[in-house]
Amino acid sequence: IKPYFTLEEWETYDLSCKNRDVTNDQVLLDAVEAGKRVGAIFKEPTITPSAVQVKELGLSKAFGSPNGAMRKGWNGITISRDTIHIDGIELGYKNPVFFERHAVGGEYGAGWDEVGKGTLLTTYLPANGEAPFVVDKRDLTDDHNVCVVYHNPYDNVEKLARIFFQRCLDAGITPYVVTKKTVFKWQEGFWETMKKVFDADFKEKFEKAGLLERSGGDLQHLISDAATMQLIRWTDGGFGMAAHNYDGDMLTDQIAQVHRSPGFITSNLVGVNDDGTLIKEFEASHGTVSDLWHDHLAGKETSLNPLGLVEALIGAMQHAAMLQAEKFPDDAAKQETKDKIINFTEVLRTAIHNTFRYGQGTRDMSGPSGFTTEDFIAKVAWRLQRYLAAQLEESPPPTLGEPSRRFRRNFDVDREAVAKLFSKYDTDGNGQICL
């Protein structure tokens, strides 16, 4: 970003475990308040410390996930997670795959306790003063039980639906809704709201665009079990899915593995401010990559692929520019700044993509001969400077096949055993297993 932009007005908050401990988590409260005020946030991966990490880091307590506080503080609607594609490089999905994960409710906000034998009552007390009633009563006969209580708030599902369907329509992909409503009856309301919004405001548009042919001419519901199988089969991509919070978390991890890794998936929390403007927080969907961080601290060479982080920063910068332009529509300077930011971030994306295409990527993409973290960044910076100066590429970069998955750091597959198992079921020897 430097030296192309001055960063004096960027607000930064240190959400490391140590600083959260030192400030008694005031830094998290400050960050949430700032995010609500600014509306555009870039977040690096953070740690929710385990009991072991509390001891290792010398923390006073186990702090909760900062993501939960952000989703609540920014009236979180959805977490949008999409595949990242690089023209000229084959990855897991040939075309975009979008996912909308309900940002609130479910297991993540659950209350729980360990109890013995007895009776568990879940009682609802209406806010309007009407008589309370028992939602659930169950007798516990085991000596050791874990009781869990959570809820799914559905007021914002209509907003989620509109965001999801509009994104799919704009991208030219087919939408699906995923639940386990055949067993979890309480999830029926999620599907009903999604279908209602689709039928009223989007079905005709999707029909005209020819995007419902693969789904039987209508919005299709997928049971979560079926969705896990289709994510493996539908490698042509060109579809989107929307689901509850936990299902969305699990299914997007599967999408990341099919596509290549979590580094090739975006993660964008969408909330809403009191004035109706959208708050957007962008982060890489992968974690803190602590093994490479420890190698770096030890002075060892590292090769970290920063694509997910770069895409997150691009998203935050573009959203900030759009918010300013919309807030001051008659301010020519604000409009010019927006245009400059959009141009810069698009050129940055092209520079990092083409660096991969020229075989100058990190080792997860280019194998043992790939660049170190620092050398890759330096190469992108060199290419960015050239592109900004010329705003064109002299000749198109080469087209590459998908890099071997053996380059991935976590690759641990007995290829001989897999080939033997495949041959067993490939009965006609055509290289395919037909189910």
Foldseek 3Di string as FASTA:
>chain_A
DPPVDDCPPPDDADPAQVVCQVVVNVSLVVVLVVLLVLQFAEDEFYDQDDPVVCVVVVGPDRDGDSLVVNCVSQQWAWKKKKFFDFPQEAFLAQAMEIETEGSDKDPSPKDKDKAAWDKDWDKDQDPVRDDIDTPDIDTHHGGIDMDIDIDDDDPRLLVSLVVVLVVLLVRQAAEEEEEQCVPVVVCVVSVVSNQVSCVPPNLVSCVVSVHCPVVPSGHYYDYLVVLLVVLQVNRNHRYYYYYYNVSRVVSVQSNQVSRQHLQRMWIWTWGAHPVGDIRIYTYRRDHPPVVQVVCVVVVHFAFDACNRSLVRVLVSQLVSLVVQCVVCVPDPVSVVVNVVSNLLSVLLNNLLSLCLLQLAHTQQFNNPPHDTNVVSVVSSVVSSVVCVVVVDDPDDGHRDYGGDNVSDPPDDDPVVVVVVVQVVQPVVPPSDHDD
